[in-house]
Amino acid sequence: MRVLIAAVGRLKQGPERELAERYRKRAADVGRMIGWQACDIIEIRDSRADNPERRMLEESIAIANVVPDRAVTVILDDRGESLSSAALADRLQDWRAAGRPAAIFIVGGADGVAASLREKADLALSFGALTWPHQLVRVMLLEQLYRAATILSGHPYHRA
C-alpha cells in the first residue's frame, strides 16, 4: 500500500521542512517492513483566486486529480474524528488488509477543502480543536505515520 500526503502549499527550506523530511524518511523505512510501498508527499500549488470559495474549489480540484484509484482518502479537519495513535495504526492495517492500493491524507489550504471533497473522504481526522499552522500539521501527520508504522512493526518507539 502506498501512503501519500497531498498538501496545499510548499514547505520552504528550514526546520519544518527538515523535520518533515526526517519523519517521512523514517515512515518510509519502517513502512517497507510492514508492506508500505511508499510514503510520499505531493505538494499542491496554492490557488491565486481572489475569493476564498474559488481558492478552495481550485485547490480541491487539484487534490482530487492526484488521488489514486481506489485509494482510502483521509481529510485532516478540525471537525473530524480524534483517533489514538494505535487506532490510526489499526485503520492503516485494516485498509492494507482489505487490498486498498493507497491511503492518501489530505491537508487543505488556509480556506479548507470543498464540501464535495470532504464528503467523499473515507475518514475526517482531527488533531484537536486548536488551529494549527499547515507546516506543523504536515510534520505532526508524518510523525503519526511513522509512529503507526512502528506500532505495526513492533518497534519500541511507541510507548503508551
C-alpha atoms as a PDB file:
ATOM      1  CA  MET A   1       0.000   0.000   0.000  1.00  0.00           C
ATOM      2  CA  ARG A   2       1.247   3.466  -0.839  1.00  0.00           C
ATOM      3  CA  VAL A   3       0.904   6.112   1.857  1.00  0.00           C
ATOM      4  CA  LEU A   4       0.614   9.608   0.439  1.00  0.00           C
ATOM      5  CA  ILE A   5       0.118  13.105   1.735  1.00  0.00           C
ATOM      6  CA  ALA A   6      -1.430  15.684  -0.579  1.00  0.00           C
ATOM      7  CA  ALA A   7      -0.803  19.088   0.976  1.00  0.00           C
ATOM      8  CA  VAL A   8      -1.681  22.510  -0.345  1.00  0.00           C
ATOM      9  CA  GLY A   9       1.360  24.760  -0.264  1.00  0.00           C
ATOM     10  CA  ARG A  10       5.086  24.249  -0.188  1.00  0.00           C
ATOM     11  CA  LEU A  11       7.310  23.941   2.820  1.00  0.00           C
ATOM     12  CA  LYS A  12      10.130  26.427   2.494  1.00  0.00           C
ATOM     13  CA  GLN A  13      13.684  25.478   3.401  1.00  0.00           C
ATOM     14  CA  GLY A  14      14.084  25.469   7.150  1.00  0.00           C
ATOM     15  CA  PRO A  15      13.463  23.458  10.291  1.00  0.00           C
ATOM     16  CA  GLU A  16       9.878  22.439   9.443  1.00  0.00           C
ATOM     17  CA  ARG A  17      10.939  21.039   6.065  1.00  0.00           C
ATOM     18  CA  GLU A  18      13.900  19.221   7.629  1.00  0.00           C
ATOM     19  CA  LEU A  19      11.739  17.701  10.370  1.00  0.00           C
ATOM     20  CA  ALA A  20       9.023  16.712   7.883  1.00  0.00           C
ATOM     21  CA  GLU A  21      11.611  15.001   5.678  1.00  0.00           C
ATOM     22  CA  ARG A  22      13.130  13.216   8.669  1.00  0.00           C
ATOM     23  CA  TYR A  23       9.757  11.717   9.662  1.00  0.00           C
ATOM     24  CA  ARG A  24       8.824  10.964   6.035  1.00  0.00           C
ATOM     25  CA  LYS A  25      12.037   9.006   5.584  1.00  0.00           C
ATOM     26  CA  ARG A  26      11.580   7.164   8.885  1.00  0.00           C
ATOM     27  CA  ALA A  27       7.976   6.273   7.993  1.00  0.00           C
ATOM     28  CA  ALA A  28       9.078   5.035   4.568  1.00  0.00           C
ATOM     29  CA  ASP A  29      11.933   2.946   6.007  1.00  0.00           C
ATOM     30  CA  VAL A  30       9.846   1.274   8.716  1.00  0.00           C
ATOM     31  CA  GLY A  31       6.830   1.131   6.420  1.00  0.00           C
ATOM     32  CA  ARG A  32       8.662  -1.098   3.940  1.00  0.00           C
ATOM     33  CA  MET A  33       8.897  -3.744   6.689  1.00  0.00           C
ATOM     34  CA  ILE A  34       5.100  -3.824   7.000  1.00  0.00           C
ATOM     35  CA  GLY A  35       4.252  -3.694   3.296  1.00  0.00           C
ATOM     36  CA  TRP A  36       4.098   0.004   2.548  1.00  0.00           C
ATOM     37  CA  GLN A  37       5.438   0.708  -0.929  1.00  0.00           C
ATOM     38  CA  ALA A  38       5.999   4.407  -0.360  1.00  0.00           C
ATOM     39  CA  CYS A  39       5.456   7.318   1.959  1.00  0.00           C
ATOM     40  CA  ASP A  40       5.435  10.361  -0.291  1.00  0.00           C
ATOM     41  CA  ILE A  41       4.293  13.973  -0.254  1.00  0.00           C
ATOM     42  CA  ILE A  42       2.520  15.657  -3.140  1.00  0.00           C
ATOM     43  CA  GLU A  43       2.590  19.424  -2.846  1.00  0.00           C
ATOM     44  CA  ILE A  44      -0.377  21.211  -4.416  1.00  0.00           C
ATOM     45  CA  ARG A  45       0.087  24.784  -5.574  1.00  0.00           C
ATOM     46  CA  ASP A  46      -1.819  27.439  -3.658  1.00  0.00           C
ATOM     47  CA  SER A  47      -4.620  28.946  -5.716  1.00  0.00           C
ATOM     48  CA  ARG A  48      -4.232  32.597  -6.614  1.00  0.00           C
ATOM     49  CA  ALA A  49      -8.001  33.180  -6.889  1.00  0.00           C
ATOM     50  CA  ASP A  50      -9.336  36.378  -5.349  1.00  0.00           C
ATOM     51  CA  ASN A  51     -12.051  34.885  -3.167  1.00  0.00           C
ATOM     52  CA  PRO A  52     -11.878  32.063  -0.611  1.00  0.00           C
ATOM     53  CA  GLU A  53     -14.590  29.910  -2.211  1.00  0.00           C
ATOM     54  CA  ARG A  54     -12.831  29.933  -5.579  1.00  0.00           C
ATOM     55  CA  ARG A  55      -9.430  29.203  -3.948  1.00  0.00           C
ATOM     56  CA  MET A  56     -10.902  26.291  -2.024  1.00  0.00           C
ATOM     57  CA  LEU A  57     -12.554  24.896  -5.164  1.00  0.00           C
ATOM     58  CA  GLU A  58      -9.417  25.187  -7.324  1.00  0.00           C
ATOM     59  CA  GLU A  59      -7.227  23.578  -4.665  1.00  0.00           C
ATOM     60  CA  SER A  60      -9.763  20.790  -4.088  1.00  0.00           C
ATOM     61  CA  ILE A  61      -9.881  20.018  -7.821  1.00  0.00           C
ATOM     62  CA  ALA A  62      -6.075  19.830  -7.880  1.00  0.00           C
ATOM     63  CA  ILE A  63      -6.139  17.479  -4.890  1.00  0.00           C
ATOM     64  CA  ALA A  64      -8.842  15.272  -6.432  1.00  0.00           C
ATOM     65  CA  ASN A  65      -6.682  14.919  -9.543  1.00  0.00           C
ATOM     66  CA  VAL A  66      -3.847  13.258  -7.575  1.00  0.00           C
ATOM     67  CA  VAL A  67      -5.964  10.767  -5.598  1.00  0.00           C
ATOM     68  CA  PRO A  68      -5.130   7.255  -6.850  1.00  0.00           C
ATOM     69  CA  ASP A  69      -7.947   4.941  -7.928  1.00  0.00           C
ATOM     70  CA  ARG A  70      -9.489   3.013  -5.018  1.00  0.00           C
ATOM     71  CA  ALA A  71      -7.375   4.914  -2.502  1.00  0.00           C
ATOM     72  CA  VAL A  72      -8.572   5.476   1.026  1.00  0.00           C
ATOM     73  CA  THR A  73      -8.953   9.230   1.451  1.00  0.00           C
ATOM     74  CA  VAL A  74      -8.390  10.895   4.802  1.00  0.00           C
ATOM     75  CA  ILE A  75      -9.129  14.602   5.189  1.00  0.00           C
ATOM     76  CA  LEU A  76      -7.478  16.444   8.042  1.00  0.00           C
ATOM     77  CA  ASP A  77     -10.272  18.521   9.530  1.00  0.00           C
ATOM     78  CA  ASP A  78     -10.727  20.027  12.982  1.00  0.00           C
ATOM     79  CA  ARG A  79     -14.326  18.722  12.929  1.00  0.00           C
ATOM     80  CA  GLY A  80     -13.139  15.182  12.233  1.00  0.00           C
ATOM     81  CA  GLU A  81     -12.624  12.155  14.412  1.00  0.00           C
ATOM     82  CA  SER A  82      -9.877  12.194  17.021  1.00  0.00           C
ATOM     83  CA  LEU A  83      -8.003   8.880  16.987  1.00  0.00           C
ATOM     84  CA  SER A  84      -5.289   7.492  19.187  1.00  0.00           C
ATOM     85  CA  SER A  85      -2.020   6.568  17.506  1.00  0.00           C
ATOM     86  CA  ALA A  86      -2.835   2.882  17.959  1.00  0.00           C
ATOM     87  CA  ALA A  87      -6.279   3.360  16.383  1.00  0.00           C
ATOM     88  CA  LEU A  88      -4.732   5.104  13.373  1.00  0.00           C
ATOM     89  CA  ALA A  89      -2.261   2.231  13.028  1.00  0.00           C
ATOM     90  CA  ASP A  90      -5.171  -0.244  13.162  1.00  0.00           C
ATOM     91  CA  ARG A  91      -7.014   1.642  10.420  1.00  0.00           C
ATOM     92  CA  LEU A  92      -3.927   1.629   8.191  1.00  0.00           C
ATOM     93  CA  GLN A  93      -3.502  -2.091   8.770  1.00  0.00           C
ATOM     94  CA  ASP A  94      -7.188  -2.752   8.016  1.00  0.00           C
ATOM     95  CA  TRP A  95      -7.023  -0.740   4.782  1.00  0.00           C
ATOM     96  CA  ARG A  96      -3.929  -2.619   3.663  1.00  0.00           C
ATOM     97  CA  ALA A  97      -5.522  -5.985   4.558  1.00  0.00           C
ATOM     98  CA  ALA A  98      -8.606  -5.001   2.551  1.00  0.00           C
ATOM     99  CA  GLY A  99      -6.406  -4.617  -0.511  1.00  0.00           C
ATOM    100  CA  ARG A 100      -6.621  -0.858  -0.789  1.00  0.00           C
ATOM    101  CA  PRO A 101      -3.731   0.240  -3.023  1.00  0.00           C
ATOM    102  CA  ALA A 102      -3.137   3.570  -1.286  1.00  0.00           C
ATOM    103  CA  ALA A 103      -4.106   5.783   1.616  1.00  0.00           C
ATOM    104  CA  ILE A 104      -3.927   9.490   0.889  1.00  0.00           C
ATOM    105  CA  PHE A 105      -4.001  12.056   3.677  1.00  0.00           C
ATOM    106  CA  ILE A 106      -5.237  15.464   2.535  1.00  0.00           C
ATOM    107  CA  VAL A 107      -4.087  18.710   4.136  1.00  0.00           C
ATOM    108  CA  GLY A 108      -6.134  21.505   2.599  1.00  0.00           C
ATOM    109  CA  GLY A 109      -5.169  25.127   2.177  1.00  0.00           C
ATOM    110  CA  ALA A 110      -5.870  28.008   4.512  1.00  0.00           C
ATOM    111  CA  ASP A 111      -9.513  28.072   3.388  1.00  0.00           C
ATOM    112  CA  GLY A 112     -10.020  24.326   3.798  1.00  0.00           C
ATOM    113  CA  VAL A 113     -11.331  21.929   1.170  1.00  0.00           C
ATOM    114  CA  ALA A 114     -14.542  21.932  -0.840  1.00  0.00           C
ATOM    115  CA  ALA A 115     -17.516  20.143   0.677  1.00  0.00           C
ATOM    116  CA  SER A 116     -17.586  17.733  -2.278  1.00  0.00           C
ATOM    117  CA  LEU A 117     -14.058  16.535  -1.445  1.00  0.00           C
ATOM    118  CA  ARG A 118     -14.824  16.283   2.278  1.00  0.00           C
ATOM    119  CA  GLU A 119     -17.979  14.238   1.592  1.00  0.00           C
ATOM    120  CA  LYS A 120     -16.053  11.694  -0.490  1.00  0.00           C
ATOM    121  CA  ALA A 121     -13.468  11.097   2.244  1.00  0.00           C
ATOM    122  CA  ASP A 122     -13.358   7.748   3.992  1.00  0.00           C
ATOM    123  CA  LEU A 123     -12.256   9.472   7.199  1.00  0.00           C
ATOM    124  CA  ALA A 124     -12.069  13.014   8.547  1.00  0.00           C
ATOM    125  CA  LEU A 125      -9.203  13.085  11.027  1.00  0.00           C
ATOM    126  CA  SER A 126      -8.711  15.774  13.659  1.00  0.00           C
ATOM    127  CA  PHE A 127      -5.607  16.771  15.586  1.00  0.00           C
ATOM    128  CA  GLY A 128      -7.895  18.589  18.004  1.00  0.00           C
ATOM    129  CA  ALA A 129      -9.992  21.729  18.011  1.00  0.00           C
ATOM    130  CA  LEU A 130      -6.975  24.029  18.009  1.00  0.00           C
ATOM    131  CA  THR A 131      -5.940  25.721  14.782  1.00  0.00           C
ATOM    132  CA  TRP A 132      -2.510  24.509  13.648  1.00  0.00           C
ATOM    133  CA  PRO A 133      -0.180  26.021  11.054  1.00  0.00           C
ATOM    134  CA  HIS A 134      -0.165  23.882   7.915  1.00  0.00           C
ATOM    135  CA  GLN A 135       3.594  23.376   8.223  1.00  0.00           C
ATOM    136  CA  LEU A 136       3.204  21.848  11.676  1.00  0.00           C
ATOM    137  CA  VAL A 137       0.215  19.735  10.644  1.00  0.00           C
ATOM    138  CA  ARG A 138       2.347  18.147   7.958  1.00  0.00           C
ATOM    139  CA  VAL A 139       5.116  17.395  10.480  1.00  0.00           C
ATOM    140  CA  MET A 140       2.626  16.026  13.033  1.00  0.00           C
ATOM    141  CA  LEU A 141       0.966  13.847  10.392  1.00  0.00           C
ATOM    142  CA  LEU A 142       4.297  12.438   9.232  1.00  0.00           C
ATOM    143  CA  GLU A 143       5.290  11.720  12.822  1.00  0.00           C
ATOM    144  CA  GLN A 144       1.993   9.879  13.362  1.00  0.00           C
ATOM    145  CA  LEU A 145       2.519   7.848  10.187  1.00  0.00           C
ATOM    146  CA  TYR A 146       5.992   6.930  11.429  1.00  0.00           C
ATOM    147  CA  ARG A 147       4.513   6.061  14.836  1.00  0.00           C
ATOM    148  CA  ALA A 148       1.806   3.925  13.166  1.00  0.00           C
ATOM    149  CA  ALA A 149       4.458   2.054  11.186  1.00  0.00           C
ATOM    150  CA  THR A 150       6.473   1.417  14.357  1.00  0.00           C
ATOM    151  CA  ILE A 151       3.376   0.172  16.183  1.00  0.00           C
ATOM    152  CA  LEU A 152       2.578  -2.233  13.343  1.00  0.00           C
ATOM    153  CA  SER A 153       6.178  -3.461  13.127  1.00  0.00           C
ATOM    154  CA  GLY A 154       6.532  -3.978  16.888  1.00  0.00           C
ATOM    155  CA  HIS A 155       9.271  -1.351  17.163  1.00  0.00           C
ATOM    156  CA  PRO A 156       9.582   0.153  20.675  1.00  0.00           C
ATOM    157  CA  TYR A 157       9.250   3.806  19.510  1.00  0.00           C
ATOM    158  CA  HIS A 158       5.602   3.902  20.636  1.00  0.00           C
ATOM    159  CA  ARG A 159       5.126   3.564  24.344  1.00  0.00           C
ATOM    160  CA  ALA A 160       1.584   4.181  25.510  1.00  0.00           C
END
